[in-house]
N, C-alpha and C. Protein backbone atom coordinates (compact mmCIF):
# COMPACT_ATOMS: atom_id res chain seq x y z
N UNK A 1 -77.51 -26.02 -61.40
CA UNK A 1 -77.52 -27.44 -61.08
C UNK A 1 -77.44 -27.60 -59.56
N UNK A 2 -78.23 -28.50 -59.02
CA UNK A 2 -78.20 -28.75 -57.59
C UNK A 2 -77.34 -29.96 -57.30
N UNK A 3 -76.45 -29.80 -56.31
CA UNK A 3 -75.59 -30.91 -55.88
C UNK A 3 -75.63 -30.98 -54.35
N UNK A 4 -75.26 -32.15 -53.84
CA UNK A 4 -75.14 -32.36 -52.40
C UNK A 4 -73.65 -32.48 -52.10
N UNK A 5 -73.17 -31.65 -51.19
CA UNK A 5 -71.75 -31.66 -50.85
C UNK A 5 -71.41 -32.86 -49.98
N UNK A 6 -70.32 -33.54 -50.33
CA UNK A 6 -69.85 -34.68 -49.55
C UNK A 6 -68.74 -34.27 -48.59
N UNK A 7 -68.14 -33.11 -48.82
CA UNK A 7 -67.09 -32.56 -47.97
C UNK A 7 -67.37 -31.08 -47.77
N UNK A 8 -66.72 -30.48 -46.81
CA UNK A 8 -66.81 -29.03 -46.62
C UNK A 8 -66.04 -28.36 -47.75
N UNK A 9 -66.69 -27.45 -48.48
CA UNK A 9 -66.03 -26.72 -49.56
C UNK A 9 -66.05 -25.25 -49.16
N UNK A 10 -64.86 -24.65 -49.09
CA UNK A 10 -64.74 -23.27 -48.64
C UNK A 10 -65.53 -22.34 -49.56
N UNK A 11 -66.23 -21.39 -48.98
CA UNK A 11 -67.04 -20.39 -49.68
C UNK A 11 -68.21 -20.99 -50.46
N UNK A 12 -68.55 -22.26 -50.17
CA UNK A 12 -69.70 -22.86 -50.86
C UNK A 12 -70.67 -23.47 -49.85
N UNK A 13 -70.17 -24.31 -48.95
CA UNK A 13 -71.06 -24.92 -47.98
C UNK A 13 -70.38 -26.02 -47.20
N UNK A 14 -71.17 -26.67 -46.34
CA UNK A 14 -70.65 -27.73 -45.50
C UNK A 14 -71.15 -29.08 -45.96
N UNK A 15 -70.57 -30.10 -45.41
CA UNK A 15 -70.89 -31.48 -45.76
C UNK A 15 -72.40 -31.75 -45.58
N UNK A 16 -73.00 -32.39 -46.58
CA UNK A 16 -74.40 -32.76 -46.52
C UNK A 16 -75.36 -31.66 -46.94
N UNK A 17 -74.86 -30.50 -47.29
CA UNK A 17 -75.70 -29.37 -47.65
C UNK A 17 -76.07 -29.44 -49.14
N UNK A 18 -77.31 -29.09 -49.46
CA UNK A 18 -77.78 -29.02 -50.84
C UNK A 18 -77.52 -27.62 -51.35
N UNK A 19 -76.70 -27.50 -52.41
CA UNK A 19 -76.35 -26.18 -52.93
C UNK A 19 -76.60 -26.13 -54.43
N UNK A 20 -76.86 -24.92 -54.91
CA UNK A 20 -77.08 -24.71 -56.34
C UNK A 20 -75.80 -24.07 -56.89
N UNK A 21 -75.20 -24.73 -57.90
CA UNK A 21 -73.96 -24.24 -58.50
C UNK A 21 -74.09 -24.24 -60.02
N UNK A 22 -73.16 -23.58 -60.67
CA UNK A 22 -73.14 -23.57 -62.13
C UNK A 22 -72.84 -24.99 -62.62
N UNK A 23 -73.48 -25.39 -63.73
CA UNK A 23 -73.25 -26.76 -64.23
C UNK A 23 -71.78 -27.06 -64.52
N UNK A 24 -71.05 -26.09 -65.04
CA UNK A 24 -69.64 -26.31 -65.35
C UNK A 24 -68.81 -26.53 -64.10
N UNK A 25 -69.10 -25.78 -63.04
CA UNK A 25 -68.38 -25.93 -61.78
C UNK A 25 -68.61 -27.33 -61.21
N UNK A 26 -69.85 -27.78 -61.28
CA UNK A 26 -70.17 -29.12 -60.78
C UNK A 26 -69.50 -30.19 -61.64
N UNK A 27 -69.65 -30.07 -62.95
CA UNK A 27 -69.16 -31.09 -63.88
C UNK A 27 -67.63 -31.15 -63.92
N UNK A 28 -66.96 -30.00 -63.82
CA UNK A 28 -65.51 -29.96 -64.00
C UNK A 28 -64.71 -29.98 -62.70
N UNK A 29 -65.34 -29.61 -61.58
CA UNK A 29 -64.57 -29.54 -60.33
C UNK A 29 -65.16 -30.43 -59.23
N UNK A 30 -66.42 -30.17 -58.86
CA UNK A 30 -66.99 -30.86 -57.70
C UNK A 30 -67.17 -32.36 -57.91
N UNK A 31 -67.75 -32.75 -59.03
CA UNK A 31 -68.03 -34.16 -59.27
C UNK A 31 -66.75 -34.99 -59.49
N UNK A 32 -65.79 -34.55 -60.33
CA UNK A 32 -64.58 -35.37 -60.52
C UNK A 32 -63.75 -35.53 -59.24
N UNK A 33 -63.74 -34.52 -58.38
CA UNK A 33 -62.96 -34.60 -57.13
C UNK A 33 -63.76 -35.27 -56.02
N UNK A 34 -64.95 -35.73 -56.31
CA UNK A 34 -65.84 -36.39 -55.36
C UNK A 34 -66.15 -35.50 -54.15
N UNK A 35 -66.23 -34.21 -54.40
CA UNK A 35 -66.62 -33.27 -53.34
C UNK A 35 -68.13 -33.15 -53.26
N UNK A 36 -68.81 -33.58 -54.31
CA UNK A 36 -70.28 -33.48 -54.35
C UNK A 36 -70.85 -34.58 -55.22
N UNK A 37 -72.15 -34.81 -55.07
CA UNK A 37 -72.88 -35.74 -55.93
C UNK A 37 -74.14 -35.03 -56.43
N UNK A 38 -74.67 -35.48 -57.54
CA UNK A 38 -75.89 -34.89 -58.08
C UNK A 38 -77.03 -35.08 -57.08
N UNK A 39 -77.94 -34.12 -57.04
CA UNK A 39 -79.02 -34.13 -56.05
C UNK A 39 -80.20 -34.96 -56.52
N UNK A 40 -80.06 -36.29 -56.47
CA UNK A 40 -81.18 -37.19 -56.75
C UNK A 40 -81.71 -37.73 -55.42
N UNK A 41 -82.90 -38.33 -55.45
CA UNK A 41 -83.48 -38.84 -54.21
C UNK A 41 -82.62 -39.92 -53.57
N UNK A 42 -82.10 -40.85 -54.39
CA UNK A 42 -81.28 -41.93 -53.83
C UNK A 42 -79.98 -41.36 -53.25
N UNK A 43 -79.37 -40.39 -53.94
CA UNK A 43 -78.14 -39.78 -53.42
C UNK A 43 -78.40 -39.01 -52.14
N UNK A 44 -79.58 -38.38 -52.03
CA UNK A 44 -79.92 -37.65 -50.80
C UNK A 44 -79.94 -38.61 -49.60
N UNK A 45 -80.49 -39.79 -49.79
CA UNK A 45 -80.55 -40.77 -48.69
C UNK A 45 -79.15 -41.25 -48.32
N UNK A 46 -78.33 -41.54 -49.33
CA UNK A 46 -76.97 -42.02 -49.08
C UNK A 46 -76.15 -40.94 -48.36
N UNK A 47 -76.23 -39.71 -48.83
CA UNK A 47 -75.46 -38.62 -48.23
C UNK A 47 -75.95 -38.35 -46.81
N UNK A 48 -77.23 -38.49 -46.55
CA UNK A 48 -77.76 -38.29 -45.20
C UNK A 48 -77.20 -39.35 -44.25
N UNK A 49 -77.09 -40.59 -44.70
CA UNK A 49 -76.50 -41.64 -43.88
C UNK A 49 -75.02 -41.34 -43.61
N UNK A 50 -74.30 -40.89 -44.65
CA UNK A 50 -72.88 -40.54 -44.47
C UNK A 50 -72.75 -39.38 -43.49
N UNK A 51 -73.65 -38.41 -43.59
CA UNK A 51 -73.60 -37.25 -42.71
C UNK A 51 -73.82 -37.65 -41.26
N UNK A 52 -74.77 -38.55 -41.02
CA UNK A 52 -75.03 -39.02 -39.65
C UNK A 52 -73.80 -39.74 -39.08
N UNK A 53 -73.16 -40.58 -39.91
CA UNK A 53 -71.96 -41.29 -39.47
C UNK A 53 -70.84 -40.29 -39.18
N UNK A 54 -70.72 -39.28 -40.03
CA UNK A 54 -69.69 -38.26 -39.85
C UNK A 54 -69.94 -37.47 -38.57
N UNK A 55 -71.20 -37.15 -38.27
CA UNK A 55 -71.53 -36.40 -37.05
C UNK A 55 -71.17 -37.21 -35.80
N UNK A 56 -71.44 -38.52 -35.83
CA UNK A 56 -71.09 -39.36 -34.69
C UNK A 56 -69.57 -39.39 -34.49
N UNK A 57 -68.84 -39.55 -35.60
CA UNK A 57 -67.38 -39.59 -35.53
C UNK A 57 -66.83 -38.25 -35.05
N UNK A 58 -67.40 -37.16 -35.55
CA UNK A 58 -66.96 -35.81 -35.17
C UNK A 58 -67.21 -35.56 -33.68
N UNK A 59 -68.35 -36.03 -33.16
CA UNK A 59 -68.65 -35.85 -31.74
C UNK A 59 -67.63 -36.60 -30.88
N UNK A 60 -67.23 -37.77 -31.33
CA UNK A 60 -66.23 -38.55 -30.60
C UNK A 60 -64.88 -37.83 -30.60
N UNK A 61 -64.49 -37.26 -31.73
CA UNK A 61 -63.22 -36.55 -31.85
C UNK A 61 -63.23 -35.30 -30.96
N UNK A 62 -64.35 -34.57 -30.93
CA UNK A 62 -64.45 -33.37 -30.10
C UNK A 62 -64.35 -33.75 -28.62
N UNK A 63 -64.99 -34.86 -28.23
CA UNK A 63 -64.93 -35.30 -26.82
C UNK A 63 -63.49 -35.66 -26.44
N UNK A 64 -62.79 -36.35 -27.33
CA UNK A 64 -61.39 -36.72 -27.06
C UNK A 64 -60.52 -35.47 -26.95
N UNK A 65 -60.74 -34.49 -27.83
CA UNK A 65 -59.97 -33.25 -27.79
C UNK A 65 -60.25 -32.49 -26.50
N UNK A 66 -61.50 -32.48 -26.05
CA UNK A 66 -61.85 -31.79 -24.80
C UNK A 66 -61.18 -32.46 -23.61
N UNK A 67 -61.14 -33.80 -23.61
CA UNK A 67 -60.46 -34.52 -22.52
C UNK A 67 -58.97 -34.20 -22.51
N UNK A 68 -58.36 -34.20 -23.69
CA UNK A 68 -56.94 -33.86 -23.79
C UNK A 68 -56.70 -32.43 -23.34
N UNK A 69 -57.62 -31.53 -23.66
CA UNK A 69 -57.51 -30.14 -23.25
C UNK A 69 -57.54 -30.00 -21.73
N UNK A 70 -58.38 -30.78 -21.06
CA UNK A 70 -58.43 -30.74 -19.60
C UNK A 70 -57.12 -31.21 -19.00
N UNK A 71 -56.52 -32.24 -19.61
CA UNK A 71 -55.23 -32.73 -19.12
C UNK A 71 -54.13 -31.69 -19.35
N UNK A 72 -54.20 -30.99 -20.47
CA UNK A 72 -53.13 -30.05 -20.84
C UNK A 72 -53.22 -28.72 -20.09
N UNK A 73 -54.33 -28.46 -19.40
CA UNK A 73 -54.45 -27.21 -18.65
C UNK A 73 -53.41 -27.08 -17.55
N UNK A 74 -52.92 -28.23 -17.04
CA UNK A 74 -51.94 -28.21 -15.95
C UNK A 74 -50.51 -28.11 -16.47
N UNK A 75 -50.31 -28.18 -17.77
CA UNK A 75 -48.96 -28.18 -18.34
C UNK A 75 -48.37 -26.77 -18.34
N UNK A 76 -47.10 -26.69 -17.92
CA UNK A 76 -46.35 -25.44 -18.01
C UNK A 76 -45.05 -25.79 -18.74
N UNK A 77 -44.75 -25.02 -19.78
CA UNK A 77 -43.56 -25.29 -20.57
C UNK A 77 -42.50 -24.24 -20.24
N UNK A 78 -41.27 -24.71 -20.02
CA UNK A 78 -40.15 -23.81 -19.80
C UNK A 78 -39.12 -24.08 -20.89
N UNK A 79 -38.79 -23.04 -21.61
CA UNK A 79 -37.81 -23.14 -22.70
C UNK A 79 -36.64 -22.25 -22.37
N UNK A 80 -35.44 -22.83 -22.42
CA UNK A 80 -34.25 -22.03 -22.16
C UNK A 80 -33.60 -21.66 -23.48
N UNK A 81 -33.24 -20.38 -23.61
CA UNK A 81 -32.62 -19.86 -24.82
C UNK A 81 -31.49 -18.93 -24.44
N UNK A 82 -30.54 -18.79 -25.34
CA UNK A 82 -29.49 -17.79 -25.12
C UNK A 82 -30.10 -16.41 -25.36
N UNK A 83 -29.74 -15.49 -24.46
CA UNK A 83 -30.31 -14.15 -24.56
C UNK A 83 -29.25 -13.11 -24.24
N UNK A 84 -29.47 -11.91 -24.74
CA UNK A 84 -28.57 -10.79 -24.48
C UNK A 84 -28.86 -10.14 -23.14
N UNK A 85 -28.17 -9.05 -22.87
CA UNK A 85 -28.29 -8.34 -21.60
C UNK A 85 -29.71 -7.80 -21.37
N UNK A 86 -30.35 -7.31 -22.42
CA UNK A 86 -31.65 -6.66 -22.26
C UNK A 86 -32.84 -7.60 -22.41
N UNK A 87 -32.60 -8.91 -22.42
CA UNK A 87 -33.70 -9.87 -22.49
C UNK A 87 -34.09 -10.28 -23.89
N UNK A 88 -33.38 -9.79 -24.89
CA UNK A 88 -33.66 -10.19 -26.28
C UNK A 88 -33.00 -11.54 -26.55
N UNK A 89 -33.71 -12.43 -27.20
CA UNK A 89 -33.17 -13.75 -27.52
C UNK A 89 -32.25 -13.68 -28.73
N UNK A 90 -31.24 -14.57 -28.75
CA UNK A 90 -30.36 -14.70 -29.92
C UNK A 90 -30.99 -15.66 -30.91
N UNK A 91 -32.20 -15.54 -31.20
CA UNK A 91 -32.97 -16.44 -32.06
C UNK A 91 -34.42 -16.20 -31.69
N UNK A 92 -35.22 -17.22 -31.79
CA UNK A 92 -36.61 -17.07 -31.37
C UNK A 92 -37.19 -18.42 -30.99
N UNK A 93 -38.29 -18.38 -30.26
CA UNK A 93 -39.02 -19.57 -29.89
C UNK A 93 -40.19 -19.68 -30.85
N UNK A 94 -40.24 -20.77 -31.61
CA UNK A 94 -41.28 -20.95 -32.62
C UNK A 94 -42.28 -22.02 -32.17
N UNK A 95 -43.30 -22.20 -32.98
CA UNK A 95 -44.30 -23.23 -32.68
C UNK A 95 -43.66 -24.61 -32.68
N UNK A 96 -42.64 -24.81 -33.48
CA UNK A 96 -41.93 -26.10 -33.51
C UNK A 96 -41.26 -26.37 -32.16
N UNK A 97 -40.63 -25.35 -31.58
CA UNK A 97 -39.99 -25.51 -30.28
C UNK A 97 -41.02 -25.86 -29.20
N UNK A 98 -42.17 -25.21 -29.25
CA UNK A 98 -43.23 -25.47 -28.26
C UNK A 98 -43.78 -26.87 -28.44
N UNK A 99 -43.97 -27.31 -29.69
CA UNK A 99 -44.47 -28.66 -29.96
C UNK A 99 -43.47 -29.71 -29.46
N UNK A 100 -42.17 -29.45 -29.65
CA UNK A 100 -41.15 -30.38 -29.16
C UNK A 100 -41.14 -30.43 -27.63
N UNK A 101 -41.33 -29.28 -26.98
CA UNK A 101 -41.38 -29.25 -25.51
C UNK A 101 -42.60 -30.00 -25.00
N UNK A 102 -43.72 -29.88 -25.70
CA UNK A 102 -44.92 -30.63 -25.33
C UNK A 102 -44.69 -32.13 -25.50
N UNK A 103 -44.01 -32.51 -26.58
CA UNK A 103 -43.74 -33.91 -26.84
C UNK A 103 -42.81 -34.49 -25.76
N UNK A 104 -41.87 -33.67 -25.28
CA UNK A 104 -40.99 -34.11 -24.20
C UNK A 104 -41.78 -34.39 -22.92
N UNK A 105 -42.91 -33.73 -22.76
CA UNK A 105 -43.76 -33.95 -21.58
C UNK A 105 -44.82 -35.02 -21.84
N UNK A 106 -44.79 -35.64 -23.02
CA UNK A 106 -45.70 -36.75 -23.30
C UNK A 106 -46.94 -36.40 -24.09
N UNK A 107 -47.03 -35.19 -24.63
CA UNK A 107 -48.19 -34.78 -25.44
C UNK A 107 -47.75 -34.64 -26.89
N UNK A 108 -48.28 -35.48 -27.76
CA UNK A 108 -47.93 -35.40 -29.17
C UNK A 108 -48.89 -34.44 -29.86
N UNK A 109 -48.38 -33.25 -30.15
CA UNK A 109 -49.18 -32.20 -30.79
C UNK A 109 -48.42 -31.76 -32.04
N UNK A 110 -49.13 -31.67 -33.17
CA UNK A 110 -48.50 -31.17 -34.39
C UNK A 110 -48.18 -29.69 -34.22
N UNK A 111 -47.08 -29.25 -34.82
CA UNK A 111 -46.67 -27.86 -34.65
C UNK A 111 -47.67 -26.90 -35.29
N UNK A 112 -48.43 -27.35 -36.29
CA UNK A 112 -49.43 -26.49 -36.92
C UNK A 112 -50.58 -26.17 -35.97
N UNK A 113 -50.77 -27.01 -34.96
CA UNK A 113 -51.85 -26.78 -34.01
C UNK A 113 -51.47 -25.77 -32.93
N UNK A 114 -50.18 -25.46 -32.83
CA UNK A 114 -49.73 -24.43 -31.90
C UNK A 114 -49.94 -23.09 -32.60
N UNK A 115 -50.91 -22.32 -32.11
CA UNK A 115 -51.32 -21.09 -32.80
C UNK A 115 -50.52 -19.89 -32.33
N UNK A 116 -49.23 -19.93 -32.57
CA UNK A 116 -48.35 -18.82 -32.20
C UNK A 116 -48.36 -17.84 -33.36
N UNK A 117 -48.87 -16.63 -33.12
CA UNK A 117 -49.01 -15.65 -34.20
C UNK A 117 -47.68 -15.25 -34.81
N UNK A 118 -46.71 -14.99 -33.94
CA UNK A 118 -45.36 -14.70 -34.42
C UNK A 118 -44.38 -15.25 -33.39
N UNK A 119 -43.16 -15.59 -33.82
CA UNK A 119 -42.20 -16.20 -32.90
C UNK A 119 -41.90 -15.30 -31.69
N UNK A 120 -41.63 -15.93 -30.56
CA UNK A 120 -41.30 -15.22 -29.33
C UNK A 120 -39.83 -14.81 -29.41
N UNK A 121 -39.56 -13.52 -29.22
CA UNK A 121 -38.19 -13.02 -29.39
C UNK A 121 -37.60 -12.41 -28.13
N UNK A 122 -38.29 -12.52 -26.98
CA UNK A 122 -37.74 -11.98 -25.75
C UNK A 122 -38.11 -12.89 -24.58
N UNK A 123 -37.39 -12.72 -23.48
CA UNK A 123 -37.64 -13.52 -22.29
C UNK A 123 -38.97 -13.13 -21.67
N UNK A 124 -39.57 -14.06 -20.91
CA UNK A 124 -40.80 -13.75 -20.21
C UNK A 124 -41.79 -14.90 -20.20
N UNK A 125 -42.99 -14.60 -19.72
CA UNK A 125 -44.08 -15.58 -19.68
C UNK A 125 -45.08 -15.25 -20.76
N UNK A 126 -45.53 -16.27 -21.46
CA UNK A 126 -46.48 -16.08 -22.55
C UNK A 126 -47.58 -17.12 -22.45
N UNK A 127 -48.77 -16.77 -22.91
CA UNK A 127 -49.88 -17.71 -23.04
C UNK A 127 -50.00 -18.05 -24.52
N UNK A 128 -49.79 -19.32 -24.84
CA UNK A 128 -49.81 -19.74 -26.24
C UNK A 128 -51.03 -20.64 -26.46
N UNK A 129 -51.93 -20.27 -27.38
CA UNK A 129 -53.08 -21.12 -27.66
C UNK A 129 -52.70 -22.34 -28.50
N UNK A 130 -53.26 -23.48 -28.13
CA UNK A 130 -53.06 -24.72 -28.87
C UNK A 130 -54.44 -25.19 -29.32
N UNK A 131 -54.64 -25.27 -30.64
CA UNK A 131 -55.92 -25.70 -31.20
C UNK A 131 -55.92 -27.22 -31.33
N UNK A 132 -56.61 -27.89 -30.41
CA UNK A 132 -56.70 -29.34 -30.47
C UNK A 132 -57.75 -29.78 -31.49
N UNK A 133 -58.74 -28.94 -31.69
CA UNK A 133 -59.83 -29.15 -32.65
C UNK A 133 -60.37 -27.78 -32.97
N UNK A 134 -61.12 -27.64 -34.02
CA UNK A 134 -61.60 -26.29 -34.36
C UNK A 134 -62.52 -25.73 -33.27
N UNK A 135 -63.09 -26.61 -32.43
CA UNK A 135 -63.96 -26.17 -31.34
C UNK A 135 -63.26 -26.17 -29.98
N UNK A 136 -62.05 -26.76 -29.89
CA UNK A 136 -61.36 -26.91 -28.61
C UNK A 136 -59.98 -26.25 -28.70
N UNK A 137 -59.80 -25.19 -27.91
CA UNK A 137 -58.51 -24.49 -27.84
C UNK A 137 -58.09 -24.38 -26.39
N UNK A 138 -56.82 -24.68 -26.12
CA UNK A 138 -56.27 -24.61 -24.76
C UNK A 138 -55.12 -23.62 -24.76
N UNK A 139 -55.05 -22.76 -23.74
CA UNK A 139 -53.92 -21.84 -23.61
C UNK A 139 -52.90 -22.44 -22.68
N UNK A 140 -51.66 -22.56 -23.16
CA UNK A 140 -50.57 -23.17 -22.40
C UNK A 140 -49.60 -22.07 -21.98
N UNK A 141 -49.24 -22.00 -20.70
CA UNK A 141 -48.23 -21.01 -20.31
C UNK A 141 -46.83 -21.47 -20.74
N UNK A 142 -46.11 -20.57 -21.39
CA UNK A 142 -44.75 -20.85 -21.86
C UNK A 142 -43.82 -19.84 -21.19
N UNK A 143 -42.85 -20.34 -20.45
CA UNK A 143 -41.86 -19.48 -19.81
C UNK A 143 -40.57 -19.56 -20.63
N UNK A 144 -40.10 -18.44 -21.09
CA UNK A 144 -38.84 -18.38 -21.81
C UNK A 144 -37.82 -17.79 -20.85
N UNK A 145 -36.82 -18.61 -20.50
CA UNK A 145 -35.81 -18.18 -19.52
C UNK A 145 -34.43 -18.16 -20.17
N UNK A 146 -33.54 -17.40 -19.56
CA UNK A 146 -32.18 -17.23 -20.08
C UNK A 146 -31.35 -18.48 -19.78
N UNK A 147 -30.63 -18.94 -20.79
CA UNK A 147 -29.75 -20.09 -20.61
C UNK A 147 -28.50 -19.64 -19.85
N UNK A 148 -28.15 -20.42 -18.84
CA UNK A 148 -26.96 -20.10 -18.04
C UNK A 148 -25.71 -20.56 -18.77
N UNK A 149 -24.70 -19.70 -18.80
CA UNK A 149 -23.45 -20.07 -19.47
C UNK A 149 -22.61 -20.97 -18.60
């Protein structure tokens, strides 16, 4: 059965793409969840119009993310943590901590967009990538310094 995808479906295709799927998959999953529509001529025209509108909206979002990325290139975050003699932290710096530090500087970024592979557990300087959009990533310098007693 041929269907036109209305949303991006992982391991199947992207929005607006014509794909051939098993009838049961289309009938029981894609169509009820409104992820796809049957591939008729009228539906092809409607989905093409939706796709054009989506592309315009997506281009606007990417441009906004790129502008925000240019502003964030100048940001330097300093986080103070308690640490032992050898520079090991008594805890760790997580993506949540970095997101809160960014928010304190006036940038509202979700913690999920801070792409910290694993928590920072020692003092030093780190480059932390922040994904503003799937096409726009900015590396922010994060300085982890020892808290003075």
